[in-house]
Amino acid sequence: MFIKNELGDAILYAELFRGRFLYCKNKKAWFEWNGNYWQQDIMDNSLASVEQVALLYLSEYKKFASDIAAKVAAGADPSSKEVTSLQSKADATLRRVSGLRAAGKRRTACRDMAHTMDNPNGGER
């Protein structure tokens, strides 16, 4: 599910914020589009926006939780392979949300990898 790890986070970030944030390597600074021109992101809005990636994962977690509840309500054994597999995916998704919400490596890596990955302005190749 999370084969791309932090790169997957960065791909989501780049897709969500294309045209809103950009990194200027010459200045070693992030910039934000204010509607008329690019201004330096002195308030770290680009980093705060990682929360939007976390919210996407949280939405996926809720889908897993709903699927698990539906299967158990329909009579599936909670310890069945199908239910435990879904639970494992739900748990991994929650760990990812937790990492993105922590003041640490995963949060900054999400944003910072968005400008260093292959083809950051045009999606995956």
N, C-alpha and C. Protein backbone atom coordinates (compact mmCIF):
# COMPACT_ATOMS: atom_id res chain seq x y z
N MET A 1 0.81 -1.21 0.00
CA MET A 1 0.00 0.00 0.00
C MET A 1 0.85 1.26 0.00
N PHE A 2 1.86 1.30 0.86
CA PHE A 2 2.70 2.49 0.96
C PHE A 2 4.07 2.21 0.37
N ILE A 3 4.09 1.62 -0.79
CA ILE A 3 5.34 1.22 -1.41
C ILE A 3 6.27 2.42 -1.64
N LYS A 4 5.70 3.56 -1.94
CA LYS A 4 6.54 4.72 -2.24
C LYS A 4 6.94 5.51 -1.00
N ASN A 5 6.44 5.14 0.17
CA ASN A 5 6.83 5.75 1.44
C ASN A 5 6.79 7.27 1.39
N GLU A 6 7.90 7.92 1.75
CA GLU A 6 7.92 9.38 1.80
C GLU A 6 7.78 10.00 0.41
N LEU A 7 8.25 9.29 -0.61
CA LEU A 7 8.07 9.79 -1.98
C LEU A 7 6.58 9.86 -2.31
N GLY A 8 5.81 8.90 -1.84
CA GLY A 8 4.35 8.94 -2.05
C GLY A 8 3.72 10.15 -1.39
N ASP A 9 4.18 10.46 -0.19
CA ASP A 9 3.70 11.67 0.49
C ASP A 9 4.02 12.90 -0.35
N ALA A 10 5.25 12.95 -0.86
CA ALA A 10 5.69 14.10 -1.65
C ALA A 10 4.92 14.23 -2.96
N ILE A 11 4.60 13.11 -3.58
CA ILE A 11 3.81 13.15 -4.82
C ILE A 11 2.43 13.74 -4.53
N LEU A 12 1.81 13.30 -3.43
CA LEU A 12 0.51 13.88 -3.05
C LEU A 12 0.64 15.37 -2.78
N TYR A 13 1.67 15.76 -2.04
CA TYR A 13 1.90 17.17 -1.72
C TYR A 13 2.06 17.99 -3.01
N ALA A 14 2.89 17.49 -3.93
CA ALA A 14 3.13 18.21 -5.18
C ALA A 14 1.84 18.38 -5.98
N GLU A 15 1.02 17.34 -6.00
CA GLU A 15 -0.25 17.43 -6.73
C GLU A 15 -1.21 18.42 -6.07
N LEU A 16 -1.27 18.37 -4.75
CA LEU A 16 -2.18 19.27 -4.02
C LEU A 16 -1.79 20.74 -4.15
N PHE A 17 -0.49 21.01 -4.17
CA PHE A 17 -0.04 22.40 -4.06
C PHE A 17 0.70 22.93 -5.27
N ARG A 18 0.55 22.25 -6.40
CA ARG A 18 1.12 22.75 -7.65
C ARG A 18 0.51 24.12 -7.94
N GLY A 19 1.36 25.11 -8.15
CA GLY A 19 0.86 26.45 -8.43
C GLY A 19 0.64 27.29 -7.18
N ARG A 20 0.77 26.69 -6.02
CA ARG A 20 0.61 27.46 -4.78
C ARG A 20 1.94 27.68 -4.07
N PHE A 21 2.78 26.62 -4.05
CA PHE A 21 4.09 26.73 -3.42
C PHE A 21 5.17 26.30 -4.41
N LEU A 22 6.34 26.93 -4.29
CA LEU A 22 7.48 26.48 -5.06
C LEU A 22 8.75 26.76 -4.28
N TYR A 23 9.75 25.93 -4.54
CA TYR A 23 11.02 26.07 -3.85
C TYR A 23 12.02 26.71 -4.80
N CYS A 24 12.68 27.77 -4.35
CA CYS A 24 13.71 28.45 -5.13
C CYS A 24 15.06 27.98 -4.62
N LYS A 25 15.74 27.18 -5.43
CA LYS A 25 17.01 26.61 -4.99
C LYS A 25 18.08 27.67 -4.81
N ASN A 26 18.06 28.72 -5.63
CA ASN A 26 19.06 29.79 -5.50
C ASN A 26 18.96 30.47 -4.14
N LYS A 27 17.76 30.71 -3.68
CA LYS A 27 17.54 31.39 -2.40
C LYS A 27 17.42 30.41 -1.23
N LYS A 28 17.29 29.12 -1.56
CA LYS A 28 17.07 28.08 -0.55
C LYS A 28 15.87 28.46 0.33
N ALA A 29 14.77 28.81 -0.36
CA ALA A 29 13.57 29.27 0.35
C ALA A 29 12.32 28.84 -0.42
N TRP A 30 11.25 28.64 0.34
CA TRP A 30 9.95 28.35 -0.24
C TRP A 30 9.22 29.66 -0.53
N PHE A 31 8.45 29.65 -1.61
CA PHE A 31 7.64 30.80 -1.99
C PHE A 31 6.20 30.36 -2.14
N GLU A 32 5.31 31.31 -1.92
CA GLU A 32 3.87 31.06 -2.01
C GLU A 32 3.25 32.05 -2.99
N TRP A 33 2.36 31.57 -3.84
CA TRP A 33 1.66 32.41 -4.79
C TRP A 33 0.56 33.16 -4.05
N ASN A 34 0.57 34.49 -4.11
CA ASN A 34 -0.44 35.26 -3.38
C ASN A 34 -1.57 35.74 -4.29
N GLY A 35 -1.60 35.26 -5.51
CA GLY A 35 -2.63 35.65 -6.46
C GLY A 35 -2.11 36.61 -7.51
N ASN A 36 -1.02 37.29 -7.19
CA ASN A 36 -0.42 38.24 -8.13
C ASN A 36 1.05 37.98 -8.38
N TYR A 37 1.76 37.51 -7.38
CA TYR A 37 3.20 37.25 -7.51
C TYR A 37 3.62 36.26 -6.43
N TRP A 38 4.83 35.72 -6.62
CA TRP A 38 5.39 34.79 -5.65
C TRP A 38 6.04 35.59 -4.53
N GLN A 39 5.67 35.26 -3.29
CA GLN A 39 6.31 35.91 -2.15
C GLN A 39 6.92 34.84 -1.26
N GLN A 40 8.01 35.20 -0.60
CA GLN A 40 8.69 34.24 0.25
C GLN A 40 7.75 33.78 1.37
N ASP A 41 7.78 32.49 1.62
CA ASP A 41 6.90 31.87 2.61
C ASP A 41 7.53 31.98 4.00
N ILE A 42 7.53 33.18 4.54
CA ILE A 42 8.17 33.41 5.84
C ILE A 42 7.36 32.83 7.00
N MET A 43 6.09 32.57 6.79
CA MET A 43 5.23 32.00 7.84
C MET A 43 5.17 30.46 7.77
N ASP A 44 5.93 29.86 6.87
CA ASP A 44 5.98 28.40 6.71
C ASP A 44 4.62 27.79 6.38
N ASN A 45 3.83 28.50 5.58
CA ASN A 45 2.55 27.94 5.14
C ASN A 45 2.76 26.67 4.33
N SER A 46 3.89 26.60 3.61
CA SER A 46 4.18 25.39 2.82
C SER A 46 4.35 24.18 3.73
N LEU A 47 4.94 24.37 4.89
CA LEU A 47 5.09 23.26 5.84
C LEU A 47 3.77 22.96 6.55
N ALA A 48 3.05 23.99 6.92
CA ALA A 48 1.75 23.80 7.57
C ALA A 48 0.79 23.05 6.65
N SER A 49 0.94 23.21 5.36
CA SER A 49 0.04 22.58 4.40
C SER A 49 0.23 21.07 4.30
N VAL A 50 1.27 20.53 4.90
CA VAL A 50 1.43 19.08 4.96
C VAL A 50 0.22 18.45 5.63
N GLU A 51 -0.46 19.21 6.47
CA GLU A 51 -1.67 18.71 7.13
C GLU A 51 -2.71 18.24 6.11
N GLN A 52 -2.75 18.87 4.95
CA GLN A 52 -3.72 18.46 3.92
C GLN A 52 -3.43 17.04 3.42
N VAL A 53 -2.16 16.68 3.35
CA VAL A 53 -1.78 15.31 2.98
C VAL A 53 -2.23 14.35 4.08
N ALA A 54 -2.00 14.74 5.33
CA ALA A 54 -2.44 13.91 6.46
C ALA A 54 -3.95 13.71 6.42
N LEU A 55 -4.69 14.75 6.07
CA LEU A 55 -6.15 14.64 6.00
C LEU A 55 -6.60 13.69 4.90
N LEU A 56 -5.86 13.64 3.78
CA LEU A 56 -6.18 12.67 2.73
C LEU A 56 -6.01 11.24 3.25
N TYR A 57 -4.92 11.01 3.96
CA TYR A 57 -4.71 9.69 4.54
C TYR A 57 -5.77 9.37 5.59
N LEU A 58 -6.14 10.35 6.36
CA LEU A 58 -7.17 10.14 7.38
C LEU A 58 -8.51 9.76 6.73
N SER A 59 -8.79 10.35 5.60
CA SER A 59 -9.99 9.99 4.85
C SER A 59 -9.93 8.53 4.40
N GLU A 60 -8.76 8.08 3.98
CA GLU A 60 -8.59 6.68 3.59
C GLU A 60 -8.75 5.77 4.81
N TYR A 61 -8.22 6.19 5.94
CA TYR A 61 -8.37 5.41 7.17
C TYR A 61 -9.86 5.21 7.49
N LYS A 62 -10.64 6.26 7.36
CA LYS A 62 -12.07 6.16 7.66
C LYS A 62 -12.76 5.18 6.73
N LYS A 63 -12.31 5.10 5.47
CA LYS A 63 -12.87 4.13 4.53
C LYS A 63 -12.54 2.71 4.99
N PHE A 64 -11.29 2.49 5.41
CA PHE A 64 -10.91 1.17 5.91
C PHE A 64 -11.76 0.81 7.13
N ALA A 65 -11.90 1.74 8.07
CA ALA A 65 -12.68 1.49 9.28
C ALA A 65 -14.13 1.16 8.94
N SER A 66 -14.68 1.86 7.97
CA SER A 66 -16.05 1.62 7.55
C SER A 66 -16.18 0.23 6.90
N ASP A 67 -15.21 -0.12 6.07
CA ASP A 67 -15.22 -1.44 5.43
C ASP A 67 -15.13 -2.56 6.47
N ILE A 68 -14.28 -2.35 7.46
CA ILE A 68 -14.13 -3.36 8.52
C ILE A 68 -15.45 -3.52 9.28
N ALA A 69 -16.05 -2.40 9.66
CA ALA A 69 -17.31 -2.44 10.40
C ALA A 69 -18.40 -3.13 9.58
N ALA A 70 -18.46 -2.84 8.29
CA ALA A 70 -19.48 -3.44 7.42
C ALA A 70 -19.28 -4.95 7.32
N LYS A 71 -18.03 -5.38 7.17
CA LYS A 71 -17.77 -6.82 7.05
C LYS A 71 -18.10 -7.56 8.34
N VAL A 72 -17.74 -6.98 9.47
CA VAL A 72 -18.04 -7.61 10.76
C VAL A 72 -19.56 -7.63 10.99
N ALA A 73 -20.23 -6.52 10.64
CA ALA A 73 -21.70 -6.47 10.79
C ALA A 73 -22.38 -7.49 9.89
N ALA A 74 -21.76 -7.80 8.75
CA ALA A 74 -22.33 -8.78 7.83
C ALA A 74 -21.99 -10.21 8.23
N GLY A 75 -21.26 -10.36 9.35
CA GLY A 75 -20.99 -11.70 9.86
C GLY A 75 -19.56 -12.18 9.69
N ALA A 76 -18.68 -11.36 9.13
CA ALA A 76 -17.29 -11.79 8.97
C ALA A 76 -16.63 -11.93 10.34
N ASP A 77 -15.80 -12.93 10.46
CA ASP A 77 -15.05 -13.14 11.69
C ASP A 77 -14.00 -12.03 11.79
N PRO A 78 -13.96 -11.29 12.91
CA PRO A 78 -12.98 -10.21 13.06
C PRO A 78 -11.53 -10.67 12.95
N SER A 79 -11.29 -11.97 13.17
CA SER A 79 -9.92 -12.47 13.05
C SER A 79 -9.65 -13.11 11.69
N SER A 80 -10.60 -12.96 10.76
CA SER A 80 -10.40 -13.52 9.42
C SER A 80 -9.28 -12.78 8.70
N LYS A 81 -8.71 -13.44 7.72
CA LYS A 81 -7.61 -12.85 6.95
C LYS A 81 -8.04 -11.54 6.29
N GLU A 82 -9.25 -11.53 5.76
CA GLU A 82 -9.76 -10.34 5.07
C GLU A 82 -9.87 -9.14 6.01
N VAL A 83 -10.44 -9.37 7.20
CA VAL A 83 -10.62 -8.28 8.16
C VAL A 83 -9.28 -7.85 8.75
N THR A 84 -8.42 -8.81 9.09
CA THR A 84 -7.12 -8.43 9.66
C THR A 84 -6.25 -7.71 8.64
N SER A 85 -6.40 -8.06 7.38
CA SER A 85 -5.66 -7.36 6.33
C SER A 85 -6.11 -5.90 6.24
N LEU A 86 -7.42 -5.70 6.28
CA LEU A 86 -7.95 -4.33 6.27
C LEU A 86 -7.50 -3.56 7.51
N GLN A 87 -7.50 -4.25 8.66
CA GLN A 87 -7.08 -3.60 9.90
C GLN A 87 -5.61 -3.21 9.84
N SER A 88 -4.80 -4.05 9.24
CA SER A 88 -3.38 -3.76 9.08
C SER A 88 -3.17 -2.52 8.21
N LYS A 89 -3.94 -2.42 7.14
CA LYS A 89 -3.86 -1.24 6.27
C LYS A 89 -4.34 0.01 7.00
N ALA A 90 -5.40 -0.13 7.77
CA ALA A 90 -5.92 1.01 8.54
C ALA A 90 -4.87 1.48 9.55
N ASP A 91 -4.25 0.53 10.24
CA ASP A 91 -3.23 0.88 11.23
C ASP A 91 -2.04 1.59 10.58
N ALA A 92 -1.60 1.08 9.43
CA ALA A 92 -0.47 1.70 8.71
C ALA A 92 -0.83 3.12 8.27
N THR A 93 -2.07 3.30 7.86
CA THR A 93 -2.53 4.63 7.44
C THR A 93 -2.52 5.60 8.61
N LEU A 94 -2.99 5.14 9.76
CA LEU A 94 -2.97 6.00 10.95
C LEU A 94 -1.55 6.35 11.39
N ARG A 95 -0.63 5.39 11.26
CA ARG A 95 0.77 5.69 11.60
C ARG A 95 1.32 6.77 10.66
N ARG A 96 0.94 6.71 9.41
CA ARG A 96 1.39 7.71 8.44
C ARG A 96 0.84 9.08 8.82
N VAL A 97 -0.44 9.16 9.18
CA VAL A 97 -1.04 10.42 9.62
C VAL A 97 -0.28 10.95 10.83
N SER A 98 -0.02 10.08 11.77
CA SER A 98 0.70 10.47 12.99
C SER A 98 2.08 11.03 12.66
N GLY A 99 2.79 10.39 11.74
CA GLY A 99 4.11 10.86 11.34
C GLY A 99 4.07 12.21 10.67
N LEU A 100 3.07 12.42 9.84
CA LEU A 100 2.95 13.71 9.14
C LEU A 100 2.54 14.83 10.08
N ARG A 101 1.91 14.48 11.19
CA ARG A 101 1.47 15.49 12.15
C ARG A 101 2.51 15.76 13.24
N ALA A 102 3.57 15.01 13.24
CA ALA A 102 4.63 15.20 14.24
C ALA A 102 5.65 16.22 13.73
N ALA A 103 6.27 16.91 14.66
CA ALA A 103 7.33 17.86 14.30
C ALA A 103 8.61 17.07 14.09
N GLY A 104 8.75 16.51 12.93
CA GLY A 104 9.92 15.67 12.69
C GLY A 104 10.17 15.41 11.23
N LYS A 105 10.90 14.33 11.01
CA LYS A 105 11.41 13.98 9.69
C LYS A 105 10.32 13.81 8.64
N ARG A 106 9.28 13.05 8.93
CA ARG A 106 8.29 12.74 7.90
C ARG A 106 7.58 14.01 7.42
N ARG A 107 7.28 14.93 8.33
CA ARG A 107 6.58 16.17 7.98
C ARG A 107 7.43 17.02 7.03
N THR A 108 8.68 17.24 7.39
CA THR A 108 9.54 18.06 6.53
C THR A 108 9.91 17.32 5.25
N ALA A 109 10.09 16.00 5.34
CA ALA A 109 10.42 15.22 4.15
C ALA A 109 9.30 15.30 3.12
N CYS A 110 8.08 15.30 3.56
CA CYS A 110 6.94 15.39 2.64
C CYS A 110 7.07 16.63 1.77
N ARG A 111 7.28 17.76 2.39
CA ARG A 111 7.40 19.01 1.64
C ARG A 111 8.71 19.06 0.86
N ASP A 112 9.80 18.72 1.51
CA ASP A 112 11.10 18.89 0.87
C ASP A 112 11.33 17.93 -0.29
N MET A 113 10.80 16.73 -0.20
CA MET A 113 10.94 15.80 -1.32
C MET A 113 10.09 16.21 -2.52
N ALA A 114 9.06 17.01 -2.27
CA ALA A 114 8.19 17.44 -3.36
C ALA A 114 8.96 18.24 -4.41
N HIS A 115 10.00 18.93 -4.01
CA HIS A 115 10.75 19.71 -5.00
C HIS A 115 12.00 19.00 -5.50
N THR A 116 12.32 17.84 -4.95
CA THR A 116 13.52 17.13 -5.40
C THR A 116 13.20 15.84 -6.15
N MET A 117 11.93 15.46 -6.21
CA MET A 117 11.59 14.21 -6.90
C MET A 117 11.65 14.42 -8.41
N ASP A 118 11.67 13.33 -9.12
CA ASP A 118 11.69 13.37 -10.58
C ASP A 118 10.43 14.06 -11.09
N ASN A 119 10.59 15.07 -11.90
CA ASN A 119 9.47 15.78 -12.54
C ASN A 119 8.47 16.35 -11.52
N PRO A 120 8.92 17.20 -10.59
CA PRO A 120 8.02 17.70 -9.53
C PRO A 120 6.86 18.54 -10.05
N ASN A 121 6.99 19.11 -11.23
CA ASN A 121 5.91 19.97 -11.72
C ASN A 121 4.96 19.28 -12.68
N GLY A 122 5.26 18.04 -13.02
CA GLY A 122 4.40 17.38 -14.00
C GLY A 122 3.93 16.01 -13.60
N GLY A 123 3.93 15.71 -12.31
CA GLY A 123 3.44 14.43 -11.86
C GLY A 123 4.43 13.32 -12.11
N GLU A 124 3.98 12.09 -12.00
CA GLU A 124 4.85 10.94 -12.17
C GLU A 124 5.13 10.67 -13.63
N ARG A 125 6.26 10.09 -13.87
CA ARG A 125 6.61 9.64 -15.23
C ARG A 125 6.47 8.15 -15.31
